[in-house]
Amino acid sequence: MSLGHLTLATSQVEPTAAFFERTLGYKRKPPPANSPADVVWLDIGRGQELHVLFVANFAASAFEGEFGRHVAVFHPRADFARLKQRLAEEGAEIIAPLRETPFERFFFREPINGYVFEVVDRERAPAGD
């Protein structure tokens, strides 16, 4: 079984989707025409998607963090410096890990909703990923 998609709620669909496009390079996919809410579907690779969905008055959890809710993504370590630069230029907060690991990783808080993402060295990805 593999992940099909992840849905992130937001009251700001367009700015949230555009942030992921500019920083992580995700590409838009056509959402279903019959969606009852404003939504952007992003292709995050390997047949997986990120759905950015409008929810009125949305507020992220106070428990976003390394030892709370976060989304982990694999990314080539060789691009970490450039990715951190893109994220910072877009207003994201770069966060150092609290726990040491034998592989490189970092966290960031996206500036629109406050979601926390963990970026893990792609070499750490399981075989076949």
N, C-alpha and C. Protein backbone atom coordinates (compact mmCIF):
# COMPACT_ATOMS: atom_id res chain seq x y z
N MET A 1 0.85 -1.17 0.00
CA MET A 1 0.00 0.00 0.00
C MET A 1 0.90 1.24 0.00
N SER A 2 0.55 2.23 -0.81
CA SER A 2 1.33 3.46 -0.83
C SER A 2 0.39 4.65 -0.68
N LEU A 3 0.97 5.78 -0.41
CA LEU A 3 0.20 7.01 -0.22
C LEU A 3 -0.31 7.49 -1.58
N GLY A 4 -1.59 7.80 -1.66
CA GLY A 4 -2.17 8.32 -2.89
C GLY A 4 -2.14 9.84 -2.92
N HIS A 5 -2.63 10.44 -1.85
CA HIS A 5 -2.57 11.89 -1.74
C HIS A 5 -2.67 12.32 -0.28
N LEU A 6 -2.26 13.54 -0.05
CA LEU A 6 -2.33 14.19 1.25
C LEU A 6 -3.12 15.47 1.03
N THR A 7 -4.07 15.76 1.90
CA THR A 7 -4.88 16.97 1.78
C THR A 7 -4.48 17.95 2.87
N LEU A 8 -4.16 19.17 2.46
CA LEU A 8 -3.88 20.24 3.41
C LEU A 8 -5.00 21.27 3.33
N ALA A 9 -5.61 21.54 4.44
CA ALA A 9 -6.66 22.55 4.52
C ALA A 9 -6.03 23.93 4.61
N THR A 10 -6.72 24.92 4.06
CA THR A 10 -6.26 26.30 4.12
C THR A 10 -7.41 27.24 3.79
N SER A 11 -7.34 28.44 4.30
CA SER A 11 -8.31 29.46 3.87
C SER A 11 -7.73 30.28 2.73
N GLN A 12 -6.50 29.94 2.30
CA GLN A 12 -5.80 30.66 1.22
C GLN A 12 -5.25 29.66 0.21
N VAL A 13 -6.11 29.10 -0.61
CA VAL A 13 -5.73 28.04 -1.53
C VAL A 13 -4.66 28.49 -2.52
N GLU A 14 -4.89 29.57 -3.23
CA GLU A 14 -3.96 29.98 -4.28
C GLU A 14 -2.57 30.31 -3.73
N PRO A 15 -2.44 31.13 -2.68
CA PRO A 15 -1.10 31.40 -2.15
C PRO A 15 -0.40 30.15 -1.61
N THR A 16 -1.15 29.24 -1.01
CA THR A 16 -0.56 28.02 -0.48
C THR A 16 -0.03 27.15 -1.61
N ALA A 17 -0.86 26.93 -2.64
CA ALA A 17 -0.43 26.11 -3.78
C ALA A 17 0.76 26.75 -4.48
N ALA A 18 0.72 28.05 -4.67
CA ALA A 18 1.82 28.74 -5.35
C ALA A 18 3.12 28.63 -4.57
N PHE A 19 3.05 28.66 -3.25
CA PHE A 19 4.24 28.49 -2.41
C PHE A 19 4.90 27.14 -2.71
N PHE A 20 4.12 26.07 -2.76
CA PHE A 20 4.67 24.73 -3.02
C PHE A 20 5.20 24.61 -4.45
N GLU A 21 4.56 25.28 -5.38
CA GLU A 21 5.06 25.28 -6.76
C GLU A 21 6.43 25.96 -6.83
N ARG A 22 6.54 27.14 -6.23
CA ARG A 22 7.78 27.92 -6.32
C ARG A 22 8.93 27.32 -5.53
N THR A 23 8.64 26.71 -4.40
CA THR A 23 9.72 26.22 -3.54
C THR A 23 10.07 24.75 -3.79
N LEU A 24 9.06 23.89 -3.84
CA LEU A 24 9.30 22.46 -3.97
C LEU A 24 9.18 21.97 -5.41
N GLY A 25 8.72 22.85 -6.30
CA GLY A 25 8.65 22.49 -7.72
C GLY A 25 7.47 21.61 -8.08
N TYR A 26 6.47 21.50 -7.21
CA TYR A 26 5.30 20.69 -7.53
C TYR A 26 4.53 21.33 -8.67
N LYS A 27 3.93 20.50 -9.52
CA LYS A 27 3.17 20.95 -10.68
C LYS A 27 1.68 20.72 -10.47
N ARG A 28 0.87 21.64 -10.99
CA ARG A 28 -0.59 21.50 -10.87
C ARG A 28 -1.13 20.40 -11.77
N LYS A 29 -2.19 19.78 -11.26
CA LYS A 29 -2.97 18.82 -12.02
C LYS A 29 -4.41 19.33 -12.06
N PRO A 30 -5.17 18.98 -13.06
CA PRO A 30 -6.56 19.43 -13.07
C PRO A 30 -7.36 18.76 -11.95
N PRO A 31 -8.02 19.55 -11.11
CA PRO A 31 -8.88 18.95 -10.08
C PRO A 31 -10.21 18.52 -10.71
N PRO A 32 -10.98 17.72 -10.01
CA PRO A 32 -12.28 17.34 -10.56
C PRO A 32 -13.18 18.56 -10.71
N ALA A 33 -13.93 18.59 -11.78
CA ALA A 33 -14.82 19.73 -12.05
C ALA A 33 -15.96 19.81 -11.04
N ASN A 34 -16.26 18.71 -10.38
CA ASN A 34 -17.39 18.71 -9.45
C ASN A 34 -16.97 18.90 -7.99
N SER A 35 -15.78 19.44 -7.75
CA SER A 35 -15.35 19.67 -6.36
C SER A 35 -16.25 20.71 -5.71
N PRO A 36 -16.77 20.43 -4.52
CA PRO A 36 -17.65 21.40 -3.85
C PRO A 36 -16.90 22.54 -3.17
N ALA A 37 -15.58 22.51 -3.21
CA ALA A 37 -14.78 23.56 -2.58
C ALA A 37 -13.65 23.96 -3.51
N ASP A 38 -13.10 25.15 -3.29
CA ASP A 38 -11.93 25.59 -4.04
C ASP A 38 -10.78 24.66 -3.69
N VAL A 39 -10.12 24.11 -4.71
CA VAL A 39 -9.05 23.14 -4.48
C VAL A 39 -8.02 23.24 -5.59
N VAL A 40 -6.76 22.99 -5.24
CA VAL A 40 -5.69 22.85 -6.22
C VAL A 40 -5.06 21.50 -5.95
N TRP A 41 -4.87 20.71 -7.01
CA TRP A 41 -4.19 19.44 -6.90
C TRP A 41 -2.78 19.62 -7.44
N LEU A 42 -1.80 19.15 -6.67
CA LEU A 42 -0.40 19.24 -7.06
C LEU A 42 0.18 17.84 -7.20
N ASP A 43 0.92 17.63 -8.27
CA ASP A 43 1.62 16.37 -8.50
C ASP A 43 2.94 16.43 -7.74
N ILE A 44 3.12 15.54 -6.76
CA ILE A 44 4.35 15.56 -5.97
C ILE A 44 5.28 14.42 -6.35
N GLY A 45 4.94 13.70 -7.43
CA GLY A 45 5.81 12.66 -7.95
C GLY A 45 5.39 11.26 -7.56
N ARG A 46 5.82 10.31 -8.37
CA ARG A 46 5.59 8.89 -8.12
C ARG A 46 4.11 8.55 -7.95
N GLY A 47 3.26 9.28 -8.69
CA GLY A 47 1.82 9.03 -8.63
C GLY A 47 1.13 9.59 -7.40
N GLN A 48 1.84 10.36 -6.61
CA GLN A 48 1.27 10.92 -5.38
C GLN A 48 0.90 12.39 -5.60
N GLU A 49 -0.07 12.85 -4.84
CA GLU A 49 -0.56 14.22 -4.98
C GLU A 49 -0.69 14.91 -3.63
N LEU A 50 -0.66 16.23 -3.70
CA LEU A 50 -0.96 17.09 -2.56
C LEU A 50 -2.19 17.89 -2.96
N HIS A 51 -3.27 17.76 -2.19
CA HIS A 51 -4.49 18.50 -2.46
C HIS A 51 -4.58 19.66 -1.47
N VAL A 52 -4.65 20.86 -2.00
CA VAL A 52 -4.77 22.06 -1.18
C VAL A 52 -6.23 22.48 -1.26
N LEU A 53 -6.93 22.41 -0.14
CA LEU A 53 -8.39 22.51 -0.08
C LEU A 53 -8.84 23.68 0.78
N PHE A 54 -9.79 24.44 0.28
CA PHE A 54 -10.33 25.58 1.04
C PHE A 54 -11.18 25.11 2.21
N VAL A 55 -10.86 25.63 3.39
CA VAL A 55 -11.67 25.46 4.59
C VAL A 55 -11.76 26.84 5.24
N ALA A 56 -12.96 27.37 5.35
CA ALA A 56 -13.15 28.70 5.93
C ALA A 56 -12.60 28.75 7.35
N ASN A 57 -11.95 29.84 7.69
CA ASN A 57 -11.44 30.09 9.03
C ASN A 57 -10.44 29.03 9.50
N PHE A 58 -9.73 28.41 8.57
CA PHE A 58 -8.79 27.36 8.94
C PHE A 58 -7.64 27.93 9.78
N ALA A 59 -7.20 27.15 10.76
CA ALA A 59 -6.00 27.46 11.54
C ALA A 59 -5.25 26.15 11.76
N ALA A 60 -3.94 26.18 11.49
CA ALA A 60 -3.11 24.98 11.69
C ALA A 60 -3.05 24.63 13.17
N SER A 61 -2.76 23.39 13.45
CA SER A 61 -2.64 22.90 14.82
C SER A 61 -1.50 23.61 15.56
N ALA A 62 -1.68 23.79 16.83
CA ALA A 62 -0.60 24.33 17.67
C ALA A 62 0.50 23.29 17.87
N PHE A 63 0.28 22.08 17.39
CA PHE A 63 1.20 20.98 17.59
C PHE A 63 2.02 20.65 16.35
N GLU A 64 2.15 21.59 15.43
CA GLU A 64 3.00 21.39 14.26
C GLU A 64 4.45 21.43 14.73
N GLY A 65 5.23 20.42 14.40
CA GLY A 65 6.64 20.41 14.80
C GLY A 65 7.27 19.05 14.63
N GLU A 66 8.55 18.97 14.93
CA GLU A 66 9.27 17.71 14.79
C GLU A 66 8.63 16.61 15.62
N PHE A 67 8.22 16.94 16.83
CA PHE A 67 7.59 15.96 17.71
C PHE A 67 6.11 16.26 17.85
N GLY A 68 5.51 16.58 16.75
CA GLY A 68 4.08 16.82 16.61
C GLY A 68 3.72 16.47 15.19
N ARG A 69 2.71 17.09 14.66
CA ARG A 69 2.33 16.81 13.28
C ARG A 69 3.26 17.51 12.31
N HIS A 70 3.73 16.78 11.32
CA HIS A 70 4.50 17.37 10.23
C HIS A 70 4.44 16.43 9.03
N VAL A 71 4.80 16.96 7.89
CA VAL A 71 4.83 16.19 6.65
C VAL A 71 6.29 16.02 6.27
N ALA A 72 6.71 14.78 6.00
CA ALA A 72 8.10 14.52 5.62
C ALA A 72 8.17 14.23 4.12
N VAL A 73 9.14 14.86 3.47
CA VAL A 73 9.36 14.66 2.04
C VAL A 73 10.83 14.35 1.80
N PHE A 74 11.11 13.55 0.77
CA PHE A 74 12.48 13.27 0.37
C PHE A 74 12.91 14.29 -0.68
N HIS A 75 14.18 14.70 -0.59
CA HIS A 75 14.73 15.69 -1.52
C HIS A 75 16.23 15.42 -1.66
N PRO A 76 16.79 15.64 -2.85
CA PRO A 76 18.23 15.41 -3.02
C PRO A 76 19.06 16.32 -2.12
N ARG A 77 19.96 15.72 -1.35
CA ARG A 77 20.80 16.49 -0.41
C ARG A 77 21.62 17.55 -1.15
N ALA A 78 22.04 17.25 -2.37
CA ALA A 78 22.84 18.21 -3.14
C ALA A 78 22.10 19.52 -3.38
N ASP A 79 20.77 19.52 -3.27
CA ASP A 79 19.97 20.73 -3.50
C ASP A 79 19.50 21.36 -2.19
N PHE A 80 19.91 20.83 -1.04
CA PHE A 80 19.45 21.38 0.24
C PHE A 80 19.71 22.88 0.37
N ALA A 81 20.91 23.33 0.04
CA ALA A 81 21.24 24.76 0.20
C ALA A 81 20.33 25.62 -0.66
N ARG A 82 20.14 25.23 -1.92
CA ARG A 82 19.27 26.01 -2.80
C ARG A 82 17.82 25.96 -2.34
N LEU A 83 17.38 24.79 -1.87
CA LEU A 83 16.01 24.68 -1.37
C LEU A 83 15.82 25.58 -0.16
N LYS A 84 16.75 25.56 0.77
CA LYS A 84 16.64 26.43 1.95
C LYS A 84 16.58 27.89 1.54
N GLN A 85 17.35 28.27 0.53
CA GLN A 85 17.33 29.64 0.04
C GLN A 85 15.96 29.99 -0.55
N ARG A 86 15.41 29.11 -1.39
CA ARG A 86 14.08 29.35 -1.97
C ARG A 86 13.04 29.47 -0.87
N LEU A 87 13.10 28.58 0.09
CA LEU A 87 12.13 28.61 1.20
C LEU A 87 12.23 29.92 1.98
N ALA A 88 13.45 30.31 2.34
CA ALA A 88 13.65 31.55 3.10
C ALA A 88 13.17 32.77 2.31
N GLU A 89 13.46 32.78 1.01
CA GLU A 89 13.02 33.90 0.17
C GLU A 89 11.50 34.00 0.10
N GLU A 90 10.82 32.90 0.29
CA GLU A 90 9.35 32.87 0.26
C GLU A 90 8.75 33.05 1.66
N GLY A 91 9.59 33.29 2.67
CA GLY A 91 9.10 33.57 4.01
C GLY A 91 8.99 32.38 4.94
N ALA A 92 9.48 31.23 4.52
CA ALA A 92 9.44 30.04 5.38
C ALA A 92 10.49 30.16 6.48
N GLU A 93 10.19 29.58 7.61
CA GLU A 93 11.14 29.51 8.73
C GLU A 93 11.89 28.18 8.63
N ILE A 94 13.21 28.23 8.53
CA ILE A 94 14.03 27.02 8.49
C ILE A 94 14.29 26.61 9.94
N ILE A 95 14.07 25.34 10.24
CA ILE A 95 14.17 24.84 11.61
C ILE A 95 15.15 23.67 11.65
N ALA A 96 16.14 23.76 12.52
CA ALA A 96 17.10 22.67 12.69
C ALA A 96 16.43 21.51 13.44
N PRO A 97 16.80 20.28 13.13
CA PRO A 97 16.23 19.13 13.84
C PRO A 97 16.64 19.13 15.31
N LEU A 98 15.77 18.63 16.16
CA LEU A 98 16.07 18.48 17.59
C LEU A 98 16.76 17.15 17.87
N ARG A 99 16.50 16.15 17.02
CA ARG A 99 17.03 14.81 17.21
C ARG A 99 18.07 14.53 16.13
N GLU A 100 19.23 14.03 16.55
CA GLU A 100 20.28 13.68 15.59
C GLU A 100 19.91 12.42 14.85
N THR A 101 20.32 12.36 13.58
CA THR A 101 20.10 11.18 12.74
C THR A 101 21.37 10.93 11.92
N PRO A 102 21.55 9.73 11.40
CA PRO A 102 22.74 9.45 10.59
C PRO A 102 22.63 10.00 9.16
N PHE A 103 21.53 10.66 8.84
CA PHE A 103 21.32 11.25 7.52
C PHE A 103 20.93 12.71 7.71
N GLU A 104 21.14 13.49 6.67
CA GLU A 104 20.86 14.93 6.76
C GLU A 104 19.37 15.19 6.55
N ARG A 105 18.87 16.17 7.31
CA ARG A 105 17.47 16.58 7.20
C ARG A 105 17.33 17.96 7.83
N PHE A 106 16.25 18.62 7.55
CA PHE A 106 15.89 19.87 8.20
C PHE A 106 14.38 20.02 8.14
N PHE A 107 13.87 20.99 8.87
CA PHE A 107 12.43 21.27 8.90
C PHE A 107 12.21 22.69 8.41
N PHE A 108 11.00 22.95 7.95
CA PHE A 108 10.60 24.33 7.68
C PHE A 108 9.12 24.51 8.00
N ARG A 109 8.78 25.72 8.41
CA ARG A 109 7.39 26.10 8.65
C ARG A 109 6.97 26.97 7.49
N GLU A 110 5.96 26.50 6.74
CA GLU A 110 5.54 27.31 5.59
C GLU A 110 4.80 28.55 6.11
N PRO A 111 4.96 29.68 5.41
CA PRO A 111 4.53 30.96 5.97
C PRO A 111 3.05 31.29 5.88
N ILE A 112 2.26 30.52 5.17
CA ILE A 112 0.86 30.89 4.97
C ILE A 112 -0.04 30.30 6.04
N ASN A 113 0.15 29.03 6.34
CA ASN A 113 -0.71 28.33 7.30
C ASN A 113 0.01 27.90 8.57
N GLY A 114 1.33 27.79 8.51
CA GLY A 114 2.10 27.32 9.66
C GLY A 114 2.36 25.83 9.67
N TYR A 115 2.07 25.14 8.56
CA TYR A 115 2.38 23.71 8.48
C TYR A 115 3.88 23.51 8.57
N VAL A 116 4.29 22.42 9.22
CA VAL A 116 5.71 22.08 9.32
C VAL A 116 6.00 20.89 8.41
N PHE A 117 7.09 21.02 7.66
CA PHE A 117 7.57 19.97 6.75
C PHE A 117 8.97 19.56 7.17
N GLU A 118 9.25 18.29 7.04
CA GLU A 118 10.59 17.76 7.25
C GLU A 118 11.14 17.40 5.87
N VAL A 119 12.35 17.85 5.56
CA VAL A 119 13.00 17.53 4.30
C VAL A 119 14.13 16.57 4.63
N VAL A 120 14.05 15.36 4.05
CA VAL A 120 14.99 14.28 4.35
C VAL A 120 15.81 13.97 3.11
N ASP A 121 17.09 13.73 3.31
CA ASP A 121 17.98 13.35 2.22
C ASP A 121 17.38 12.18 1.44
N ARG A 122 17.20 12.37 0.14
CA ARG A 122 16.61 11.34 -0.72
C ARG A 122 17.36 10.01 -0.62
N GLU A 123 18.67 10.05 -0.35
CA GLU A 123 19.44 8.80 -0.22
C GLU A 123 18.91 7.95 0.93
N ARG A 124 18.19 8.55 1.84
CA ARG A 124 17.60 7.86 2.99
C ARG A 124 16.32 7.15 2.60
N ALA A 125 15.77 7.47 1.39
CA ALA A 125 14.50 6.89 0.95
C ALA A 125 14.59 5.37 0.84
N PRO A 126 13.52 4.68 1.18
CA PRO A 126 13.53 3.22 1.04
C PRO A 126 13.72 2.82 -0.42
N ALA A 127 14.25 1.66 -0.65
CA ALA A 127 14.46 1.16 -2.01
C ALA A 127 13.14 1.18 -2.76
N GLY A 128 13.21 1.58 -4.02
CA GLY A 128 12.01 1.65 -4.84
C GLY A 128 11.25 2.95 -4.70
N ASP A 129 11.70 3.85 -3.86
CA ASP A 129 11.01 5.12 -3.70
C ASP A 129 11.55 6.14 -4.66
